[in-house]
């Protein structure tokens, strides 16, 4: 996959970028859609419409945007917390299971989300 953070207008519901491009959230969106039948585009939009004031204001928006809201890590983190799907962050590998989603900040300022795997890459990580 080629990293591509560009804004793209998406159909609704079930919108997606071409599989060969996207960002970390697109990997999570596709995984939840395929593995659990959860359309984050739809459920995040619905929750944001009802509870807009509880979501981050990092982008200065006055209303929801079905094409991008679900592709923003801070919005996903908020949505997961609101659903009761959030656990405390620890430094113990045993506290995480394959399929868990972890949000963090990379390089001190870049929001990131990842899926815990049960396998290691060729580099051991």
PDB file of N, CA and C in Angstrom:
ATOM      1  N   UNK A   1       0.847  -1.180   0.000  1.00  0.00           N
ATOM      2  CA  UNK A   1       0.000   0.000   0.000  1.00  0.00           C
ATOM      3  C   UNK A   1       0.891   1.242   0.000  1.00  0.00           C
ATOM      4  N   UNK A   2       0.518   2.223  -0.773  1.00  0.00           N
ATOM      5  CA  UNK A   2       1.210   3.501  -0.827  1.00  0.00           C
ATOM      6  C   UNK A   2       0.557   4.471   0.148  1.00  0.00           C
ATOM      7  N   UNK A   3       1.366   5.091   1.010  1.00  0.00           N
ATOM      8  CA  UNK A   3       0.856   6.082   1.942  1.00  0.00           C
ATOM      9  C   UNK A   3       0.331   7.272   1.156  1.00  0.00           C
ATOM     10  N   UNK A   4      -0.950   7.595   1.395  1.00  0.00           N
ATOM     11  CA  UNK A   4      -1.561   8.711   0.682  1.00  0.00           C
ATOM     12  C   UNK A   4      -2.609   9.353   1.589  1.00  0.00           C
ATOM     13  N   UNK A   5      -2.259  10.464   2.242  1.00  0.00           N
ATOM     14  CA  UNK A   5      -3.180  11.114   3.170  1.00  0.00           C
ATOM     15  C   UNK A   5      -4.146  12.109   2.520  1.00  0.00           C
ATOM     16  N   UNK A   6      -4.204  12.142   1.211  1.00  0.00           N
ATOM     17  CA  UNK A   6      -5.037  13.128   0.511  1.00  0.00           C
ATOM     18  C   UNK A   6      -6.518  12.977   0.861  1.00  0.00           C
ATOM     19  N   UNK A   7      -7.194  14.114   0.912  1.00  0.00           N
ATOM     20  CA  UNK A   7      -8.647  14.108   1.085  1.00  0.00           C
ATOM     21  C   UNK A   7      -9.274  13.579  -0.198  1.00  0.00           C
ATOM     22  N   UNK A   8     -10.207  12.645  -0.031  1.00  0.00           N
ATOM     23  CA  UNK A   8     -10.928  12.080  -1.169  1.00  0.00           C
ATOM     24  C   UNK A   8     -12.405  12.025  -0.799  1.00  0.00           C
ATOM     25  N   UNK A   9     -13.270  12.542  -1.671  1.00  0.00           N
ATOM     26  CA  UNK A   9     -14.705  12.405  -1.452  1.00  0.00           C
ATOM     27  C   UNK A   9     -15.085  10.939  -1.629  1.00  0.00           C
ATOM     28  N   UNK A  10     -15.760  10.378  -0.633  1.00  0.00           N
ATOM     29  CA  UNK A  10     -16.119   8.960  -0.663  1.00  0.00           C
ATOM     30  C   UNK A  10     -17.625   8.777  -0.716  1.00  0.00           C
ATOM     31  N   UNK A  11     -18.074   7.717  -1.382  1.00  0.00           N
ATOM     32  CA  UNK A  11     -19.499   7.390  -1.339  1.00  0.00           C
ATOM     33  C   UNK A  11     -19.867   7.023   0.098  1.00  0.00           C
ATOM     34  N   UNK A  12     -21.130   7.052   0.406  1.00  0.00           N
ATOM     35  CA  UNK A  12     -21.600   6.757   1.762  1.00  0.00           C
ATOM     36  C   UNK A  12     -22.867   5.934   1.675  1.00  0.00           C
ATOM     37  N   UNK A  13     -22.983   4.892   2.483  1.00  0.00           N
ATOM     38  CA  UNK A  13     -21.969   4.287   3.345  1.00  0.00           C
ATOM     39  C   UNK A  13     -21.055   3.366   2.551  1.00  0.00           C
ATOM     40  N   UNK A  14     -20.077   2.787   3.236  1.00  0.00           N
ATOM     41  CA  UNK A  14     -19.192   1.808   2.625  1.00  0.00           C
ATOM     42  C   UNK A  14     -18.119   2.384   1.734  1.00  0.00           C
ATOM     43  N   UNK A  15     -17.875   3.688   1.817  1.00  0.00           N
ATOM     44  CA  UNK A  15     -16.865   4.302   0.964  1.00  0.00           C
ATOM     45  C   UNK A  15     -15.463   3.865   1.331  1.00  0.00           C
ATOM     46  N   UNK A  16     -14.592   3.807   0.333  1.00  0.00           N
ATOM     47  CA  UNK A  16     -13.199   3.411   0.567  1.00  0.00           C
ATOM     48  C   UNK A  16     -12.333   3.940  -0.562  1.00  0.00           C
ATOM     49  N   UNK A  17     -11.071   4.089  -0.257  1.00  0.00           N
ATOM     50  CA  UNK A  17     -10.076   4.432  -1.268  1.00  0.00           C
ATOM     51  C   UNK A  17      -9.714   3.171  -2.039  1.00  0.00           C
ATOM     52  N   UNK A  18      -9.056   3.321  -3.178  1.00  0.00           N
ATOM     53  CA  UNK A  18      -8.522   2.129  -3.841  1.00  0.00           C
ATOM     54  C   UNK A  18      -7.595   1.394  -2.867  1.00  0.00           C
ATOM     55  N   UNK A  19      -7.638   0.085  -2.860  1.00  0.00           N
ATOM     56  CA  UNK A  19      -6.910  -0.745  -1.902  1.00  0.00           C
ATOM     57  C   UNK A  19      -5.407  -0.473  -1.884  1.00  0.00           C
ATOM     58  N   UNK A  20      -4.860   0.018  -2.989  1.00  0.00           N
ATOM     59  CA  UNK A  20      -3.415   0.219  -3.063  1.00  0.00           C
ATOM     60  C   UNK A  20      -2.937   1.518  -2.416  1.00  0.00           C
ATOM     61  N   UNK A  21      -3.848   2.333  -1.872  1.00  0.00           N
ATOM     62  CA  UNK A  21      -3.394   3.551  -1.212  1.00  0.00           C
ATOM     63  C   UNK A  21      -4.221   3.861   0.021  1.00  0.00           C
ATOM     64  N   UNK A  22      -3.675   4.739   0.861  1.00  0.00           N
ATOM     65  CA  UNK A  22      -4.372   5.133   2.069  1.00  0.00           C
ATOM     66  C   UNK A  22      -3.407   5.416   3.198  1.00  0.00           C
ATOM     67  N   UNK A  23      -3.949   5.412   4.408  1.00  0.00           N
ATOM     68  CA  UNK A  23      -3.180   5.675   5.624  1.00  0.00           C
ATOM     69  C   UNK A  23      -3.526   4.610   6.658  1.00  0.00           C
ATOM     70  N   UNK A  24      -2.964   4.738   7.851  1.00  0.00           N
ATOM     71  CA  UNK A  24      -3.169   3.725   8.886  1.00  0.00           C
ATOM     72  C   UNK A  24      -4.651   3.485   9.181  1.00  0.00           C
ATOM     73  N   UNK A  25      -5.442   4.541   9.199  1.00  0.00           N
ATOM     74  CA  UNK A  25      -6.862   4.367   9.497  1.00  0.00           C
ATOM     75  C   UNK A  25      -7.570   3.559   8.421  1.00  0.00           C
ATOM     76  N   UNK A  26      -7.112   3.673   7.180  1.00  0.00           N
ATOM     77  CA  UNK A  26      -7.743   2.909   6.105  1.00  0.00           C
ATOM     78  C   UNK A  26      -7.538   1.407   6.300  1.00  0.00           C
ATOM     79  N   UNK A  27      -6.392   1.018   6.841  1.00  0.00           N
ATOM     80  CA  UNK A  27      -6.142  -0.393   7.146  1.00  0.00           C
ATOM     81  C   UNK A  27      -7.141  -0.872   8.203  1.00  0.00           C
ATOM     82  N   UNK A  28      -7.341  -0.061   9.243  1.00  0.00           N
ATOM     83  CA  UNK A  28      -8.276  -0.406  10.317  1.00  0.00           C
ATOM     84  C   UNK A  28      -9.713  -0.437   9.792  1.00  0.00           C
ATOM     85  N   UNK A  29     -10.077   0.540   8.988  1.00  0.00           N
ATOM     86  CA  UNK A  29     -11.424   0.604   8.407  1.00  0.00           C
ATOM     87  C   UNK A  29     -11.714  -0.669   7.620  1.00  0.00           C
ATOM     88  N   UNK A  30     -10.780  -1.064   6.768  1.00  0.00           N
ATOM     89  CA  UNK A  30     -10.965  -2.266   5.944  1.00  0.00           C
ATOM     90  C   UNK A  30     -11.015  -3.531   6.799  1.00  0.00           C
ATOM     91  N   UNK A  31     -10.153  -3.592   7.812  1.00  0.00           N
ATOM     92  CA  UNK A  31     -10.118  -4.785   8.675  1.00  0.00           C
ATOM     93  C   UNK A  31     -11.427  -4.956   9.437  1.00  0.00           C
ATOM     94  N   UNK A  32     -11.947  -3.876  10.019  1.00  0.00           N
ATOM     95  CA  UNK A  32     -13.202  -3.988  10.770  1.00  0.00           C
ATOM     96  C   UNK A  32     -14.382  -4.269   9.857  1.00  0.00           C
ATOM     97  N   UNK A  33     -14.350  -3.712   8.673  1.00  0.00           N
ATOM     98  CA  UNK A  33     -15.428  -3.970   7.717  1.00  0.00           C
ATOM     99  C   UNK A  33     -15.432  -5.450   7.323  1.00  0.00           C
ATOM    100  N   UNK A  34     -14.249  -5.995   7.050  1.00  0.00           N
ATOM    101  CA  UNK A  34     -14.145  -7.391   6.605  1.00  0.00           C
ATOM    102  C   UNK A  34     -14.334  -8.389   7.748  1.00  0.00           C
ATOM    103  N   UNK A  35     -13.672  -8.164   8.873  1.00  0.00           N
ATOM    104  CA  UNK A  35     -13.680  -9.136   9.966  1.00  0.00           C
ATOM    105  C   UNK A  35     -14.922  -9.069  10.844  1.00  0.00           C
ATOM    106  N   UNK A  36     -15.468  -7.881  11.027  1.00  0.00           N
ATOM    107  CA  UNK A  36     -16.590  -7.709  11.968  1.00  0.00           C
ATOM    108  C   UNK A  36     -17.852  -7.135  11.342  1.00  0.00           C
ATOM    109  N   UNK A  37     -17.786  -6.774  10.066  1.00  0.00           N
ATOM    110  CA  UNK A  37     -18.962  -6.193   9.420  1.00  0.00           C
ATOM    111  C   UNK A  37     -19.295  -4.806   9.940  1.00  0.00           C
ATOM    112  N   UNK A  38     -18.303  -4.117  10.508  1.00  0.00           N
ATOM    113  CA  UNK A  38     -18.508  -2.767  11.046  1.00  0.00           C
ATOM    114  C   UNK A  38     -18.044  -1.751  10.010  1.00  0.00           C
ATOM    115  N   UNK A  39     -18.948  -0.872   9.604  1.00  0.00           N
ATOM    116  CA  UNK A  39     -18.610   0.203   8.673  1.00  0.00           C
ATOM    117  C   UNK A  39     -18.306   1.449   9.507  1.00  0.00           C
ATOM    118  N   UNK A  40     -17.018   1.681   9.769  1.00  0.00           N
ATOM    119  CA  UNK A  40     -16.642   2.830  10.590  1.00  0.00           C
ATOM    120  C   UNK A  40     -17.099   4.145   9.982  1.00  0.00           C
ATOM    121  N   UNK A  41     -17.141   4.229   8.674  1.00  0.00           N
ATOM    122  CA  UNK A  41     -17.616   5.454   8.047  1.00  0.00           C
ATOM    123  C   UNK A  41     -19.035   5.768   8.542  1.00  0.00           C
ATOM    124  N   UNK A  42     -19.880   4.777   8.558  1.00  0.00           N
ATOM    125  CA  UNK A  42     -21.289   4.960   8.945  1.00  0.00           C
ATOM    126  C   UNK A  42     -21.447   5.175  10.454  1.00  0.00           C
ATOM    127  N   UNK A  43     -20.840   4.303  11.257  1.00  0.00           N
ATOM    128  CA  UNK A  43     -21.069   4.393  12.703  1.00  0.00           C
ATOM    129  C   UNK A  43     -20.412   5.629  13.312  1.00  0.00           C
ATOM    130  N   UNK A  44     -19.231   6.013  12.809  1.00  0.00           N
ATOM    131  CA  UNK A  44     -18.589   7.227  13.323  1.00  0.00           C
ATOM    132  C   UNK A  44     -19.406   8.450  12.918  1.00  0.00           C
ATOM    133  N   UNK A  45     -19.860   8.499  11.677  1.00  0.00           N
ATOM    134  CA  UNK A  45     -20.682   9.630  11.228  1.00  0.00           C
ATOM    135  C   UNK A  45     -21.955   9.745  12.073  1.00  0.00           C
ATOM    136  N   UNK A  46     -22.626   8.634  12.306  1.00  0.00           N
ATOM    137  CA  UNK A  46     -23.864   8.664  13.093  1.00  0.00           C
ATOM    138  C   UNK A  46     -23.608   9.156  14.516  1.00  0.00           C
ATOM    139  N   UNK A  47     -22.524   8.668  15.135  1.00  0.00           N
ATOM    140  CA  UNK A  47     -22.220   9.086  16.502  1.00  0.00           C
ATOM    141  C   UNK A  47     -21.793  10.547  16.548  1.00  0.00           C
ATOM    142  N   UNK A  48     -20.996  10.963  15.577  1.00  0.00           N
ATOM    143  CA  UNK A  48     -20.559  12.359  15.552  1.00  0.00           C
ATOM    144  C   UNK A  48     -21.733  13.310  15.348  1.00  0.00           C
ATOM    145  N   UNK A  49     -22.693  12.915  14.535  1.00  0.00           N
ATOM    146  CA  UNK A  49     -23.866  13.776  14.321  1.00  0.00           C
ATOM    147  C   UNK A  49     -24.631  13.987  15.622  1.00  0.00           C
ATOM    148  N   UNK A  50     -24.727  12.942  16.433  1.00  0.00           N
ATOM    149  CA  UNK A  50     -25.472  13.020  17.692  1.00  0.00           C
ATOM    150  C   UNK A  50     -24.668  13.667  18.813  1.00  0.00           C
ATOM    151  N   UNK A  51     -23.339  13.533  18.768  1.00  0.00           N
ATOM    152  CA  UNK A  51     -22.488  13.962  19.880  1.00  0.00           C
ATOM    153  C   UNK A  51     -21.284  14.764  19.379  1.00  0.00           C
ATOM    154  N   UNK A  52     -21.519  15.653  18.437  1.00  0.00           N
ATOM    155  CA  UNK A  52     -20.434  16.400  17.786  1.00  0.00           C
ATOM    156  C   UNK A  52     -19.537  17.113  18.789  1.00  0.00           C
ATOM    157  N   UNK A  53     -20.104  17.655  19.842  1.00  0.00           N
ATOM    158  CA  UNK A  53     -19.316  18.420  20.816  1.00  0.00           C
ATOM    159  C   UNK A  53     -18.313  17.561  21.579  1.00  0.00           C
ATOM    160  N   UNK A  54     -18.485  16.247  21.564  1.00  0.00           N
ATOM    161  CA  UNK A  54     -17.578  15.351  22.291  1.00  0.00           C
ATOM    162  C   UNK A  54     -16.374  14.910  21.452  1.00  0.00           C
ATOM    163  N   UNK A  55     -16.355  15.291  20.195  1.00  0.00           N
ATOM    164  CA  UNK A  55     -15.256  14.912  19.305  1.00  0.00           C
ATOM    165  C   UNK A  55     -14.221  16.024  19.202  1.00  0.00           C
ATOM    166  N   UNK A  56     -12.971  15.671  18.882  1.00  0.00           N
ATOM    167  CA  UNK A  56     -11.914  16.694  18.768  1.00  0.00           C
ATOM    168  C   UNK A  56     -12.274  17.783  17.761  1.00  0.00           C
ATOM    169  N   UNK A  57     -11.762  18.961  18.016  1.00  0.00           N
ATOM    170  CA  UNK A  57     -11.999  20.123  17.143  1.00  0.00           C
ATOM    171  C   UNK A  57     -10.720  20.515  16.412  1.00  0.00           C
ATOM    172  N   UNK A  58      -9.847  19.555  16.177  1.00  0.00           N
ATOM    173  CA  UNK A  58      -8.536  19.806  15.574  1.00  0.00           C
ATOM    174  C   UNK A  58      -8.604  20.429  14.182  1.00  0.00           C
ATOM    175  N   UNK A  59      -9.715  20.299  13.494  1.00  0.00           N
ATOM    176  CA  UNK A  59      -9.784  20.708  12.091  1.00  0.00           C
ATOM    177  C   UNK A  59     -10.689  21.914  11.882  1.00  0.00           C
ATOM    178  N   UNK A  60     -11.253  22.461  12.947  1.00  0.00           N
ATOM    179  CA  UNK A  60     -12.073  23.653  12.852  1.00  0.00           C
ATOM    180  C   UNK A  60     -13.393  23.461  12.128  1.00  0.00           C
ATOM    181  N   UNK A  61     -13.873  22.239  12.061  1.00  0.00           N
ATOM    182  CA  UNK A  61     -15.124  21.972  11.351  1.00  0.00           C
ATOM    183  C   UNK A  61     -16.330  22.335  12.205  1.00  0.00           C
ATOM    184  N   UNK A  62     -17.396  22.721  11.554  1.00  0.00           N
ATOM    185  CA  UNK A  62     -18.650  23.072  12.237  1.00  0.00           C
ATOM    186  C   UNK A  62     -19.675  21.940  12.130  1.00  0.00           C
ATOM    187  N   UNK A  63     -19.374  20.968  11.260  1.00  0.00           N
ATOM    188  CA  UNK A  63     -20.285  19.829  11.076  1.00  0.00           C
ATOM    189  C   UNK A  63     -19.480  18.615  10.616  1.00  0.00           C
ATOM    190  N   UNK A  64     -20.126  17.483  10.580  1.00  0.00           N
ATOM    191  CA  UNK A  64     -19.442  16.247  10.198  1.00  0.00           C
ATOM    192  C   UNK A  64     -19.128  16.224   8.702  1.00  0.00           C
ATOM    193  N   UNK A  65     -18.189  15.355   8.349  1.00  0.00           N
ATOM    194  CA  UNK A  65     -17.810  15.149   6.949  1.00  0.00           C
ATOM    195  C   UNK A  65     -17.658  13.644   6.742  1.00  0.00           C
ATOM    196  N   UNK A  66     -18.615  13.037   6.070  1.00  0.00           N
ATOM    197  CA  UNK A  66     -18.671  11.580   5.878  1.00  0.00           C
ATOM    198  C   UNK A  66     -17.470  11.021   5.135  1.00  0.00           C
ATOM    199  N   UNK A  67     -16.749  11.845   4.423  1.00  0.00           N
ATOM    200  CA  UNK A  67     -15.609  11.363   3.645  1.00  0.00           C
ATOM    201  C   UNK A  67     -14.316  11.273   4.440  1.00  0.00           C
ATOM    202  N   UNK A  68     -14.211  11.986   5.559  1.00  0.00           N
ATOM    203  CA  UNK A  68     -12.913  12.040   6.249  1.00  0.00           C
ATOM    204  C   UNK A  68     -12.982  11.766   7.749  1.00  0.00           C
ATOM    205  N   UNK A  69     -14.099  12.013   8.400  1.00  0.00           N
ATOM    206  CA  UNK A  69     -14.149  11.898   9.862  1.00  0.00           C
ATOM    207  C   UNK A  69     -13.658  10.541  10.374  1.00  0.00           C
ATOM    208  N   UNK A  70     -14.047   9.468   9.711  1.00  0.00           N
ATOM    209  CA  UNK A  70     -13.656   8.119  10.135  1.00  0.00           C
ATOM    210  C   UNK A  70     -12.214   7.791   9.784  1.00  0.00           C
ATOM    211  N   UNK A  71     -11.564   8.636   9.029  1.00  0.00           N
ATOM    212  CA  UNK A  71     -10.168   8.428   8.626  1.00  0.00           C
ATOM    213  C   UNK A  71      -9.209   9.222   9.512  1.00  0.00           C
ATOM    214  N   UNK A  72      -9.705   9.810  10.589  1.00  0.00           N
ATOM    215  CA  UNK A  72      -8.881  10.610  11.492  1.00  0.00           C
ATOM    216  C   UNK A  72      -8.729   9.868  12.817  1.00  0.00           C
ATOM    217  N   UNK A  73      -7.489   9.602  13.201  1.00  0.00           N
ATOM    218  CA  UNK A  73      -7.203   8.828  14.413  1.00  0.00           C
ATOM    219  C   UNK A  73      -7.866   9.423  15.654  1.00  0.00           C
ATOM    220  N   UNK A  74      -7.788  10.733  15.916  1.00  0.00           N
ATOM    221  CA  UNK A  74      -8.436  11.252  17.130  1.00  0.00           C
ATOM    222  C   UNK A  74      -9.947  10.977  17.152  1.00  0.00           C
ATOM    223  N   UNK A  75     -10.596  10.999  15.998  1.00  0.00           N
ATOM    224  CA  UNK A  75     -12.030  10.683  15.954  1.00  0.00           C
ATOM    225  C   UNK A  75     -12.267   9.206  16.257  1.00  0.00           C
ATOM    226  N   UNK A  76     -11.427   8.323  15.706  1.00  0.00           N
ATOM    227  CA  UNK A  76     -11.591   6.899  15.993  1.00  0.00           C
ATOM    228  C   UNK A  76     -11.357   6.627  17.471  1.00  0.00           C
ATOM    229  N   UNK A  77     -10.342   7.233  18.035  1.00  0.00           N
ATOM    230  CA  UNK A  77     -10.062   7.054  19.464  1.00  0.00           C
ATOM    231  C   UNK A  77     -11.272   7.486  20.298  1.00  0.00           C
ATOM    232  N   UNK A  78     -11.845   8.621  19.960  1.00  0.00           N
ATOM    233  CA  UNK A  78     -13.032   9.109  20.670  1.00  0.00           C
ATOM    234  C   UNK A  78     -14.196   8.148  20.492  1.00  0.00           C
ATOM    235  N   UNK A  79     -14.426   7.696  19.272  1.00  0.00           N
ATOM    236  CA  UNK A  79     -15.523   6.763  19.012  1.00  0.00           C
ATOM    237  C   UNK A  79     -15.347   5.482  19.825  1.00  0.00           C
ATOM    238  N   UNK A  80     -14.158   4.902  19.806  1.00  0.00           N
ATOM    239  CA  UNK A  80     -13.913   3.660  20.548  1.00  0.00           C
ATOM    240  C   UNK A  80     -14.112   3.870  22.047  1.00  0.00           C
ATOM    241  N   UNK A  81     -13.672   4.994  22.575  1.00  0.00           N
ATOM    242  CA  UNK A  81     -13.881   5.293  23.996  1.00  0.00           C
ATOM    243  C   UNK A  81     -15.375   5.410  24.295  1.00  0.00           C
ATOM    244  N   UNK A  82     -16.099   6.100  23.427  1.00  0.00           N
ATOM    245  CA  UNK A  82     -17.540   6.276  23.642  1.00  0.00           C
ATOM    246  C   UNK A  82     -18.292   4.946  23.606  1.00  0.00           C
ATOM    247  N   UNK A  83     -17.766   3.974  22.887  1.00  0.00           N
ATOM    248  CA  UNK A  83     -18.397   2.655  22.800  1.00  0.00           C
ATOM    249  C   UNK A  83     -17.987   1.737  23.953  1.00  0.00           C
ATOM    250  N   UNK A  84     -17.068   2.187  24.783  1.00  0.00           N
ATOM    251  CA  UNK A  84     -16.570   1.353  25.879  1.00  0.00           C
ATOM    252  C   UNK A  84     -15.554   0.325  25.412  1.00  0.00           C
ATOM    253  N   UNK A  85     -14.920   0.585  24.280  1.00  0.00           N
ATOM    254  CA  UNK A  85     -13.952  -0.351  23.706  1.00  0.00           C
ATOM    255  C   UNK A  85     -12.519   0.031  24.027  1.00  0.00           C
ATOM    256  N   UNK A  86     -12.316   0.950  24.940  1.00  0.00           N
ATOM    257  CA  UNK A  86     -10.985   1.452  25.245  1.00  0.00           C
ATOM    258  C   UNK A  86     -10.452   0.805  26.519  1.00  0.00           C
ATOM    259  N   UNK A  87      -9.190   0.421  26.485  1.00  0.00           N
ATOM    260  CA  UNK A  87      -8.515  -0.169  27.636  1.00  0.00           C
ATOM    261  C   UNK A  87      -7.319   0.692  28.004  1.00  0.00           C
ATOM    262  N   UNK A  88      -6.827   0.563  29.239  1.00  0.00           N
ATOM    263  CA  UNK A  88      -5.634   1.327  29.610  1.00  0.00           C
ATOM    264  C   UNK A  88      -4.420   0.894  28.786  1.00  0.00           C
ATOM    265  N   UNK A  89      -3.574   1.844  28.474  1.00  0.00           N
ATOM    266  CA  UNK A  89      -2.339   1.562  27.746  1.00  0.00           C
ATOM    267  C   UNK A  89      -1.292   1.104  28.752  1.00  0.00           C
ATOM    268  N   UNK A  90      -0.587   0.022  28.428  1.00  0.00           N
ATOM    269  CA  UNK A  90       0.481  -0.476  29.296  1.00  0.00           C
ATOM    270  C   UNK A  90       1.716  -0.760  28.445  1.00  0.00           C
ATOM    271  N   UNK A  91       2.796  -1.093  29.111  1.00  0.00           N
ATOM    272  CA  UNK A  91       4.012  -1.469  28.389  1.00  0.00           C
ATOM    273  C   UNK A  91       4.239  -2.977  28.431  1.00  0.00           C
ATOM    274  N   UNK A  92       3.197  -3.739  28.804  1.00  0.00           N
ATOM    275  CA  UNK A  92       3.293  -5.195  28.890  1.00  0.00           C
ATOM    276  C   UNK A  92       2.650  -5.838  27.665  1.00  0.00           C
ATOM    277  N   UNK A  93       3.441  -6.561  26.903  1.00  0.00           N
ATOM    278  CA  UNK A  93       2.935  -7.207  25.687  1.00  0.00           C
ATOM    279  C   UNK A  93       1.763  -8.140  25.991  1.00  0.00           C
ATOM    280  N   UNK A  94       1.771  -8.782  27.132  1.00  0.00           N
ATOM    281  CA  UNK A  94       0.712  -9.738  27.492  1.00  0.00           C
ATOM    282  C   UNK A  94      -0.652  -9.066  27.656  1.00  0.00           C
ATOM    283  N   UNK A  95      -0.667  -7.751  27.806  1.00  0.00           N
ATOM    284  CA  UNK A  95      -1.935  -7.024  27.958  1.00  0.00           C
ATOM    285  C   UNK A  95      -2.648  -6.810  26.629  1.00  0.00           C
ATOM    286  N   UNK A  96      -2.005  -7.198  25.538  1.00  0.00           N
ATOM    287  CA  UNK A  96      -2.572  -6.977  24.213  1.00  0.00           C
ATOM    288  C   UNK A  96      -2.817  -8.303  23.514  1.00  0.00           C
ATOM    289  N   UNK A  97      -3.915  -8.365  22.780  1.00  0.00           N
ATOM    290  CA  UNK A  97      -4.291  -9.563  22.047  1.00  0.00           C
ATOM    291  C   UNK A  97      -4.299  -9.270  20.546  1.00  0.00           C
ATOM    292  N   UNK A  98      -4.068 -10.302  19.713  1.00  0.00           N
ATOM    293  CA  UNK A  98      -4.177 -10.089  18.266  1.00  0.00           C
ATOM    294  C   UNK A  98      -5.543  -9.498  17.915  1.00  0.00           C
ATOM    295  N   UNK A  99      -5.517  -8.481  17.096  1.00  0.00           N
ATOM    296  CA  UNK A  99      -6.752  -7.810  16.696  1.00  0.00           C
ATOM    297  C   UNK A  99      -7.037  -6.550  17.497  1.00  0.00           C
ATOM    298  N   UNK A 100      -6.374  -6.383  18.644  1.00  0.00           N
ATOM    299  CA  UNK A 100      -6.557  -5.147  19.404  1.00  0.00           C
ATOM    300  C   UNK A 100      -6.086  -3.961  18.561  1.00  0.00           C
ATOM    301  N   UNK A 101      -6.731  -2.830  18.741  1.00  0.00           N
ATOM    302  CA  UNK A 101      -6.339  -1.592  18.075  1.00  0.00           C
ATOM    303  C   UNK A 101      -5.634  -0.709  19.098  1.00  0.00           C
ATOM    304  N   UNK A 102      -4.529  -0.120  18.707  1.00  0.00           N
ATOM    305  CA  UNK A 102      -3.756   0.744  19.598  1.00  0.00           C
ATOM    306  C   UNK A 102      -3.552   2.087  18.910  1.00  0.00           C
ATOM    307  N   UNK A 103      -3.883   3.165  19.623  1.00  0.00           N
ATOM    308  CA  UNK A 103      -3.606   4.501  19.100  1.00  0.00           C
ATOM    309  C   UNK A 103      -2.410   5.068  19.850  1.00  0.00           C
ATOM    310  N   UNK A 104      -1.641   5.882  19.160  1.00  0.00           N
ATOM    311  CA  UNK A 104      -0.465   6.499  19.767  1.00  0.00           C
ATOM    312  C   UNK A 104      -0.113   7.756  18.982  1.00  0.00           C
ATOM    313  N   UNK A 105       0.964   8.395  19.415  1.00  0.00           N
ATOM    314  CA  UNK A 105       1.488   9.552  18.702  1.00  0.00           C
ATOM    315  C   UNK A 105       2.906   9.213  18.255  1.00  0.00           C
ATOM    316  N   UNK A 106       3.186   9.432  16.995  1.00  0.00           N
ATOM    317  CA  UNK A 106       4.491   9.137  16.417  1.00  0.00           C
ATOM    318  C   UNK A 106       5.233  10.463  16.213  1.00  0.00           C
ATOM    319  N   UNK A 107       6.507  10.452  16.491  1.00  0.00           N
ATOM    320  CA  UNK A 107       7.363  11.633  16.326  1.00  0.00           C
ATOM    321  C   UNK A 107       6.833  12.829  17.110  1.00  0.00           C
ATOM    322  N   UNK A 108       6.162  12.546  18.227  1.00  0.00           N
ATOM    323  CA  UNK A 108       5.691  13.602  19.117  1.00  0.00           C
ATOM    324  C   UNK A 108       4.482  14.387  18.672  1.00  0.00           C
ATOM    325  N   UNK A 109       3.978  14.127  17.443  1.00  0.00           N
ATOM    326  CA  UNK A 109       2.850  14.947  16.984  1.00  0.00           C
ATOM    327  C   UNK A 109       1.917  14.273  15.988  1.00  0.00           C
ATOM    328  N   UNK A 110       2.281  13.116  15.465  1.00  0.00           N
ATOM    329  CA  UNK A 110       1.475  12.477  14.429  1.00  0.00           C
ATOM    330  C   UNK A 110       0.611  11.360  15.002  1.00  0.00           C
ATOM    331  N   UNK A 111      -0.708  11.516  14.984  1.00  0.00           N
ATOM    332  CA  UNK A 111      -1.575  10.453  15.491  1.00  0.00           C
ATOM    333  C   UNK A 111      -1.457   9.203  14.612  1.00  0.00           C
ATOM    334  N   UNK A 112      -1.474   8.038  15.246  1.00  0.00           N
ATOM    335  CA  UNK A 112      -1.322   6.775  14.524  1.00  0.00           C
ATOM    336  C   UNK A 112      -2.210   5.720  15.179  1.00  0.00           C
ATOM    337  N   UNK A 113      -2.677   4.779  14.381  1.00  0.00           N
ATOM    338  CA  UNK A 113      -3.439   3.640  14.887  1.00  0.00           C
ATOM    339  C   UNK A 113      -2.883   2.385  14.235  1.00  0.00           C
ATOM    340  N   UNK A 114      -2.837   1.302  15.024  1.00  0.00           N
ATOM    341  CA  UNK A 114      -2.300   0.045  14.500  1.00  0.00           C
ATOM    342  C   UNK A 114      -3.088  -1.132  15.047  1.00  0.00           C
ATOM    343  N   UNK A 115      -2.954  -2.254  14.365  1.00  0.00           N
ATOM    344  CA  UNK A 115      -3.617  -3.496  14.762  1.00  0.00           C
ATOM    345  C   UNK A 115      -2.557  -4.427  15.321  1.00  0.00           C
ATOM    346  N   UNK A 116      -2.807  -4.963  16.525  1.00  0.00           N
ATOM    347  CA  UNK A 116      -1.881  -5.924  17.122  1.00  0.00           C
ATOM    348  C   UNK A 116      -1.980  -7.224  16.332  1.00  0.00           C
ATOM    349  N   UNK A 117      -0.817  -7.788  16.025  1.00  0.00           N
ATOM    350  CA  UNK A 117      -0.741  -9.029  15.252  1.00  0.00           C
ATOM    351  C   UNK A 117      -0.223 -10.176  16.123  1.00  0.00           C
ATOM    352  N   UNK A 118      -0.476 -11.380  15.678  1.00  0.00           N
ATOM    353  CA  UNK A 118       0.079 -12.537  16.367  1.00  0.00           C
ATOM    354  C   UNK A 118       1.344 -13.047  15.667  1.00  0.00           C
ATOM    355  N   UNK A 119       1.841 -12.290  14.680  1.00  0.00           N
ATOM    356  CA  UNK A 119       3.073 -12.675  13.989  1.00  0.00           C
ATOM    357  C   UNK A 119       4.063 -11.525  14.002  1.00  0.00           C
ATOM    358  N   UNK A 120       5.307 -11.879  13.774  1.00  0.00           N
ATOM    359  CA  UNK A 120       6.372 -10.886  13.706  1.00  0.00           C
ATOM    360  C   UNK A 120       6.798 -10.699  12.265  1.00  0.00           C
ATOM    361  N   UNK A 121       7.261  -9.526  11.949  1.00  0.00           N
ATOM    362  CA  UNK A 121       7.772  -9.253  10.604  1.00  0.00           C
ATOM    363  C   UNK A 121       9.148  -9.864  10.425  1.00  0.00           C
ATOM    364  N   UNK A 122       9.665  -9.775   9.231  1.00  0.00           N
ATOM    365  CA  UNK A 122      10.971 -10.333   8.916  1.00  0.00           C
ATOM    366  C   UNK A 122      12.083  -9.715   9.771  1.00  0.00           C
ATOM    367  N   UNK A 123      11.880  -8.469  10.218  1.00  0.00           N
ATOM    368  CA  UNK A 123      12.884  -7.810  11.041  1.00  0.00           C
ATOM    369  C   UNK A 123      12.721  -8.127  12.527  1.00  0.00           C
ATOM    370  N   UNK A 124      11.759  -8.996  12.866  1.00  0.00           N
ATOM    371  CA  UNK A 124      11.539  -9.384  14.252  1.00  0.00           C
ATOM    372  C   UNK A 124      10.578  -8.485  14.997  1.00  0.00           C
ATOM    373  N   UNK A 125      10.165  -7.379  14.398  1.00  0.00           N
ATOM    374  CA  UNK A 125       9.258  -6.431  15.062  1.00  0.00           C
ATOM    375  C   UNK A 125       7.817  -6.697  14.788  1.00  0.00           C
TER     376      UNK A 125
END
